[in-house]
Amino acid sequence: MITMDDIVREENPILYQVAKEVTLPASQEDIDTLQDMLMYLKNSQDEEIATKYGLRPGVGLAAPQIGLSKRMIAVHFDDFDEKSYSYGLFNPKIISHSVEKAYLSTGEGCLSVDREVPGYVPRYARITVKATDIDENEIKLRLRGFAAIVFQHEIDHLNGVMFFDHIDKDDPFKIPEDAKPVDR
């Protein structure tokens, strides 16, 4: 079981490296790791389990966050329209995106960052992601709003980019150009 002890923090250099492509079909070890990542997210959202094991709640987790330089992400959440997303993905790639931007009005957080980082993180309002799911199916997801933001945050981890890299250093709460807020 993955716990907060397994999550690498922002000072770890692996978070700033481009992760390696996963060879498909995936090894049993990679499949098991991805299932464990997904289970962490589910456990972290269960109040009883989270309290028992000291888990910070998360909606997404990328392999570099557990010290693995592999292009694997797990997401588990309901968007603001109550649509559920629960995926373990190998080699996710954004294949198209909108010109329009969006940002979370409350800012973003990260399991690898133990501090508040105030500011708006500009993201694409809509994206299309292509990946291979945990059952080895090629999938294509069209995402918007909160879901698009979560996926971009996790895919950024695979490219060595942290959410705070997107925040305007001089004016953290400057509303990004051509962007709309995404609120709960």
C-alpha atoms as a PDB file:
ATOM      1  CA  MET A   1       0.000   0.000   0.000  1.00  0.00           C
ATOM      2  CA  ILE A   2       1.294   3.445  -0.946  1.00  0.00           C
ATOM      3  CA  THR A   3       1.352   5.933   1.937  1.00  0.00           C
ATOM      4  CA  MET A   4       2.576   9.524   2.319  1.00  0.00           C
ATOM      5  CA  ASP A   5       6.007   8.060   3.187  1.00  0.00           C
ATOM      6  CA  ASP A   6       6.247   6.838  -0.432  1.00  0.00           C
ATOM      7  CA  ILE A   7       5.471  10.254  -1.945  1.00  0.00           C
ATOM      8  CA  VAL A   8       8.612  12.166  -2.932  1.00  0.00           C
ATOM      9  CA  ARG A   9       8.653  15.852  -2.066  1.00  0.00           C
ATOM     10  CA  GLU A  10       9.385  18.871  -4.228  1.00  0.00           C
ATOM     11  CA  GLU A  11      13.122  18.942  -3.484  1.00  0.00           C
ATOM     12  CA  ASN A  12      13.569  15.511  -5.149  1.00  0.00           C
ATOM     13  CA  PRO A  13      15.227  15.882  -8.597  1.00  0.00           C
ATOM     14  CA  ILE A  14      13.084  13.096 -10.147  1.00  0.00           C
ATOM     15  CA  LEU A  15      10.148  15.545 -10.153  1.00  0.00           C
ATOM     16  CA  TYR A  16      12.043  17.796 -12.568  1.00  0.00           C
ATOM     17  CA  GLN A  17      12.995  15.108 -15.104  1.00  0.00           C
ATOM     18  CA  VAL A  18      11.116  13.916 -18.168  1.00  0.00           C
ATOM     19  CA  ALA A  19       9.814  10.435 -17.318  1.00  0.00           C
ATOM     20  CA  LYS A  20      10.542   7.473 -19.567  1.00  0.00           C
ATOM     21  CA  GLU A  21       7.932   5.934 -21.865  1.00  0.00           C
ATOM     22  CA  VAL A  22       6.500   2.634 -20.572  1.00  0.00           C
ATOM     23  CA  THR A  23       7.119  -0.317 -22.906  1.00  0.00           C
ATOM     24  CA  LEU A  24       3.813  -1.931 -23.839  1.00  0.00           C
ATOM     25  CA  PRO A  25       2.428  -4.427 -23.201  1.00  0.00           C
ATOM     26  CA  ALA A  26       3.184  -3.310 -19.658  1.00  0.00           C
ATOM     27  CA  SER A  27       5.015  -5.592 -17.253  1.00  0.00           C
ATOM     28  CA  GLN A  28       3.058  -7.083 -14.361  1.00  0.00           C
ATOM     29  CA  GLU A  29       5.184  -4.924 -12.057  1.00  0.00           C
ATOM     30  CA  ASP A  30       4.081  -1.722 -13.862  1.00  0.00           C
ATOM     31  CA  ILE A  31       0.430  -2.839 -13.822  1.00  0.00           C
ATOM     32  CA  ASP A  32       0.657  -3.574 -10.074  1.00  0.00           C
ATOM     33  CA  THR A  33       2.306  -0.189  -9.427  1.00  0.00           C
ATOM     34  CA  LEU A  34      -0.429   1.621 -11.365  1.00  0.00           C
ATOM     35  CA  GLN A  35      -3.118  -0.278  -9.417  1.00  0.00           C
ATOM     36  CA  ASP A  36      -1.372   0.712  -6.156  1.00  0.00           C
ATOM     37  CA  MET A  37      -1.315   4.370  -7.277  1.00  0.00           C
ATOM     38  CA  LEU A  38      -5.053   4.241  -8.010  1.00  0.00           C
ATOM     39  CA  MET A  39      -5.682   2.555  -4.656  1.00  0.00           C
ATOM     40  CA  TYR A  40      -3.784   5.350  -2.870  1.00  0.00           C
ATOM     41  CA  LEU A  41      -6.201   7.896  -4.384  1.00  0.00           C
ATOM     42  CA  LYS A  42      -9.260   5.850  -3.407  1.00  0.00           C
ATOM     43  CA  ASN A  43      -7.906   5.309   0.126  1.00  0.00           C
ATOM     44  CA  SER A  44      -6.987   8.991   0.474  1.00  0.00           C
ATOM     45  CA  GLN A  45     -10.597   9.967  -0.248  1.00  0.00           C
ATOM     46  CA  ASP A  46     -11.982   7.527   2.334  1.00  0.00           C
ATOM     47  CA  GLU A  47     -12.028   9.509   5.593  1.00  0.00           C
ATOM     48  CA  GLU A  48     -11.592   6.472   7.849  1.00  0.00           C
ATOM     49  CA  ILE A  49      -8.667   4.944   5.890  1.00  0.00           C
ATOM     50  CA  ALA A  50      -7.048   8.352   5.297  1.00  0.00           C
ATOM     51  CA  THR A  51      -7.114   9.146   9.006  1.00  0.00           C
ATOM     52  CA  LYS A  52      -5.845   5.696  10.019  1.00  0.00           C
ATOM     53  CA  TYR A  53      -2.835   5.864   7.661  1.00  0.00           C
ATOM     54  CA  GLY A  54      -2.270   9.639   7.620  1.00  0.00           C
ATOM     55  CA  LEU A  55      -3.018  10.014   3.900  1.00  0.00           C
ATOM     56  CA  ARG A  56      -3.445  13.441   2.334  1.00  0.00           C
ATOM     57  CA  PRO A  57      -6.412  13.412  -0.019  1.00  0.00           C
ATOM     58  CA  GLY A  58      -5.494  13.443  -3.693  1.00  0.00           C
ATOM     59  CA  VAL A  59      -7.273  13.251  -7.042  1.00  0.00           C
ATOM     60  CA  GLY A  60      -4.222  12.362  -9.131  1.00  0.00           C
ATOM     61  CA  LEU A  61      -0.817  10.744  -8.776  1.00  0.00           C
ATOM     62  CA  ALA A  62       2.037  10.406 -11.262  1.00  0.00           C
ATOM     63  CA  ALA A  63       4.775   7.744 -11.092  1.00  0.00           C
ATOM     64  CA  PRO A  64       7.577  10.331 -10.569  1.00  0.00           C
ATOM     65  CA  GLN A  65       5.791  11.285  -7.329  1.00  0.00           C
ATOM     66  CA  ILE A  66       6.568   7.833  -5.962  1.00  0.00           C
ATOM     67  CA  GLY A  67      10.132   7.966  -7.247  1.00  0.00           C
ATOM     68  CA  LEU A  68       9.613   6.178 -10.585  1.00  0.00           C
ATOM     69  CA  SER A  69      10.676   7.776 -13.850  1.00  0.00           C
ATOM     70  CA  LYS A  70       7.852   6.204 -15.844  1.00  0.00           C
ATOM     71  CA  ARG A  71       5.021   7.751 -17.860  1.00  0.00           C
ATOM     72  CA  MET A  72       2.179   6.481 -15.678  1.00  0.00           C
ATOM     73  CA  ILE A  73      -0.611   8.410 -13.973  1.00  0.00           C
ATOM     74  CA  ALA A  74      -3.618   7.526 -11.853  1.00  0.00           C
ATOM     75  CA  VAL A  75      -6.673   9.760 -11.392  1.00  0.00           C
ATOM     76  CA  HIS A  76      -9.744   9.219  -9.232  1.00  0.00           C
ATOM     77  CA  PHE A  77     -12.317  11.976  -8.723  1.00  0.00           C
ATOM     78  CA  ASP A  78     -15.757  13.344  -9.495  1.00  0.00           C
ATOM     79  CA  ASP A  79     -15.805  16.572 -11.463  1.00  0.00           C
ATOM     80  CA  PHE A  80     -18.048  19.480 -10.512  1.00  0.00           C
ATOM     81  CA  ASP A  81     -20.872  17.989 -12.600  1.00  0.00           C
ATOM     82  CA  GLU A  82     -20.676  14.721 -10.605  1.00  0.00           C
ATOM     83  CA  LYS A  83     -19.081  12.820 -13.507  1.00  0.00           C
ATOM     84  CA  SER A  84     -16.666  10.179 -12.222  1.00  0.00           C
ATOM     85  CA  TYR A  85     -13.148   9.626 -13.513  1.00  0.00           C
ATOM     86  CA  SER A  86     -11.078   6.668 -12.343  1.00  0.00           C
ATOM     87  CA  TYR A  87      -8.155   5.682 -14.535  1.00  0.00           C
ATOM     88  CA  GLY A  88      -4.712   4.187 -14.409  1.00  0.00           C
ATOM     89  CA  LEU A  89      -2.941   5.246 -17.610  1.00  0.00           C
ATOM     90  CA  PHE A  90       0.281   4.389 -19.386  1.00  0.00           C
ATOM     91  CA  ASN A  91       1.980   6.958 -21.639  1.00  0.00           C
ATOM     92  CA  PRO A  92      -0.804   9.593 -21.564  1.00  0.00           C
ATOM     93  CA  LYS A  93      -0.372  12.315 -24.147  1.00  0.00           C
ATOM     94  CA  ILE A  94      -2.311  15.522 -24.813  1.00  0.00           C
ATOM     95  CA  ILE A  95      -3.044  15.299 -28.538  1.00  0.00           C
ATOM     96  CA  SER A  96      -5.134  18.468 -28.852  1.00  0.00           C
ATOM     97  CA  HIS A  97      -6.226  21.407 -26.730  1.00  0.00           C
ATOM     98  CA  SER A  98      -8.355  24.524 -26.825  1.00  0.00           C
ATOM     99  CA  VAL A  99      -7.007  28.032 -27.267  1.00  0.00           C
ATOM    100  CA  GLU A 100      -9.186  29.077 -24.340  1.00  0.00           C
ATOM    101  CA  LYS A 101      -7.605  28.747 -20.913  1.00  0.00           C
ATOM    102  CA  ALA A 102      -9.039  27.904 -17.510  1.00  0.00           C
ATOM    103  CA  TYR A 103      -7.790  27.985 -13.937  1.00  0.00           C
ATOM    104  CA  LEU A 104      -8.963  26.758 -10.554  1.00  0.00           C
ATOM    105  CA  SER A 105     -10.179  29.791  -8.634  1.00  0.00           C
ATOM    106  CA  THR A 106      -8.875  28.169  -5.425  1.00  0.00           C
ATOM    107  CA  GLY A 107      -5.442  27.450  -6.921  1.00  0.00           C
ATOM    108  CA  GLU A 108      -3.821  24.011  -7.125  1.00  0.00           C
ATOM    109  CA  GLY A 109      -2.113  21.768  -4.618  1.00  0.00           C
ATOM    110  CA  CYS A 110       0.074  18.697  -4.920  1.00  0.00           C
ATOM    111  CA  LEU A 111       0.860  15.658  -2.781  1.00  0.00           C
ATOM    112  CA  SER A 112       4.575  16.350  -3.387  1.00  0.00           C
ATOM    113  CA  VAL A 113       4.314  19.935  -2.106  1.00  0.00           C
ATOM    114  CA  ASP A 114       3.919  20.371   1.650  1.00  0.00           C
ATOM    115  CA  ARG A 115       3.231  24.091   1.526  1.00  0.00           C
ATOM    116  CA  GLU A 116       0.562  26.429   0.255  1.00  0.00           C
ATOM    117  CA  VAL A 117       1.517  27.961  -3.084  1.00  0.00           C
ATOM    118  CA  PRO A 118      -0.883  30.838  -3.736  1.00  0.00           C
ATOM    119  CA  GLY A 119      -1.730  31.841  -7.283  1.00  0.00           C
ATOM    120  CA  TYR A 120      -3.611  30.928 -10.428  1.00  0.00           C
ATOM    121  CA  VAL A 121      -2.326  28.122 -12.642  1.00  0.00           C
ATOM    122  CA  PRO A 122      -3.317  28.707 -16.276  1.00  0.00           C
ATOM    123  CA  ARG A 123      -4.349  25.498 -18.064  1.00  0.00           C
ATOM    124  CA  TYR A 124      -6.142  24.645 -21.301  1.00  0.00           C
ATOM    125  CA  ALA A 125      -9.929  24.706 -20.842  1.00  0.00           C
ATOM    126  CA  ARG A 126     -10.371  21.585 -23.003  1.00  0.00           C
ATOM    127  CA  ILE A 127      -7.961  18.814 -23.925  1.00  0.00           C
ATOM    128  CA  THR A 128      -7.984  15.438 -25.656  1.00  0.00           C
ATOM    129  CA  VAL A 129      -5.772  12.784 -24.084  1.00  0.00           C
ATOM    130  CA  LYS A 130      -4.668   9.568 -25.715  1.00  0.00           C
ATOM    131  CA  ALA A 131      -3.298   6.769 -23.521  1.00  0.00           C
ATOM    132  CA  THR A 132      -3.298   3.053 -22.799  1.00  0.00           C
ATOM    133  CA  ASP A 133      -5.409   2.108 -19.796  1.00  0.00           C
ATOM    134  CA  ILE A 134      -4.528  -0.397 -17.097  1.00  0.00           C
ATOM    135  CA  ASP A 135      -6.278  -3.163 -19.091  1.00  0.00           C
ATOM    136  CA  GLU A 136      -4.090  -2.357 -22.136  1.00  0.00           C
ATOM    137  CA  ASN A 137      -6.895  -0.646 -24.099  1.00  0.00           C
ATOM    138  CA  GLU A 138      -6.044   2.376 -26.240  1.00  0.00           C
ATOM    139  CA  ILE A 139      -8.312   5.166 -25.062  1.00  0.00           C
ATOM    140  CA  LYS A 140      -9.038   8.745 -26.051  1.00  0.00           C
ATOM    141  CA  LEU A 141     -10.605  11.104 -23.513  1.00  0.00           C
ATOM    142  CA  ARG A 142     -12.116  14.501 -24.277  1.00  0.00           C
ATOM    143  CA  LEU A 143     -11.897  16.527 -21.087  1.00  0.00           C
ATOM    144  CA  ARG A 144     -12.954  19.984 -19.982  1.00  0.00           C
ATOM    145  CA  GLY A 145     -13.035  22.071 -16.834  1.00  0.00           C
ATOM    146  CA  PHE A 146     -11.836  20.415 -13.637  1.00  0.00           C
ATOM    147  CA  ALA A 147     -11.106  17.070 -15.355  1.00  0.00           C
ATOM    148  CA  ALA A 148      -8.894  18.784 -17.955  1.00  0.00           C
ATOM    149  CA  ILE A 149      -7.014  20.598 -15.177  1.00  0.00           C
ATOM    150  CA  VAL A 150      -6.386  17.387 -13.172  1.00  0.00           C
ATOM    151  CA  PHE A 151      -5.077  15.520 -16.209  1.00  0.00           C
ATOM    152  CA  GLN A 152      -2.812  18.424 -17.221  1.00  0.00           C
ATOM    153  CA  HIS A 153      -1.392  18.610 -13.677  1.00  0.00           C
ATOM    154  CA  GLU A 154      -0.522  14.882 -13.730  1.00  0.00           C
ATOM    155  CA  ILE A 155       0.852  14.868 -17.292  1.00  0.00           C
ATOM    156  CA  ASP A 156       3.013  17.875 -16.322  1.00  0.00           C
ATOM    157  CA  HIS A 157       4.632  15.625 -13.680  1.00  0.00           C
ATOM    158  CA  LEU A 158       5.694  13.268 -16.484  1.00  0.00           C
ATOM    159  CA  ASN A 159       7.448  16.193 -18.165  1.00  0.00           C
ATOM    160  CA  GLY A 160       9.261  17.458 -15.080  1.00  0.00           C
ATOM    161  CA  VAL A 161       6.922  20.428 -14.632  1.00  0.00           C
ATOM    162  CA  MET A 162       5.410  21.406 -11.287  1.00  0.00           C
ATOM    163  CA  PHE A 163       2.123  23.337 -11.009  1.00  0.00           C
ATOM    164  CA  PHE A 164       3.851  26.357  -9.457  1.00  0.00           C
ATOM    165  CA  ASP A 165       6.043  26.677 -12.568  1.00  0.00           C
ATOM    166  CA  HIS A 166       2.927  28.044 -14.329  1.00  0.00           C
ATOM    167  CA  ILE A 167       2.119  30.709 -11.711  1.00  0.00           C
ATOM    168  CA  ASP A 168       3.043  34.295 -12.630  1.00  0.00           C
ATOM    169  CA  LYS A 169       5.936  35.025 -10.250  1.00  0.00           C
ATOM    170  CA  ASP A 170       5.361  38.802 -10.251  1.00  0.00           C
ATOM    171  CA  ASP A 171       1.577  38.691  -9.925  1.00  0.00           C
ATOM    172  CA  PRO A 172       0.367  35.249  -8.725  1.00  0.00           C
ATOM    173  CA  PHE A 173      -3.306  36.263  -8.801  1.00  0.00           C
ATOM    174  CA  LYS A 174      -3.228  37.905 -12.210  1.00  0.00           C
ATOM    175  CA  ILE A 175      -6.100  36.400 -14.155  1.00  0.00           C
ATOM    176  CA  PRO A 176      -4.576  34.484 -17.083  1.00  0.00           C
ATOM    177  CA  GLU A 177      -5.403  35.945 -20.497  1.00  0.00           C
ATOM    178  CA  ASP A 178      -8.406  34.363 -22.284  1.00  0.00           C
ATOM    179  CA  ALA A 179      -9.128  32.265 -19.191  1.00  0.00           C
ATOM    180  CA  LYS A 180     -12.238  31.451 -17.209  1.00  0.00           C
ATOM    181  CA  PRO A 181     -12.314  30.326 -13.584  1.00  0.00           C
ATOM    182  CA  VAL A 182     -13.339  26.774 -12.738  1.00  0.00           C
ATOM    183  CA  ASP A 183     -15.209  26.706  -9.423  1.00  0.00           C
ATOM    184  CA  ARG A 184     -16.823  24.033  -7.361  1.00  0.00           C
END
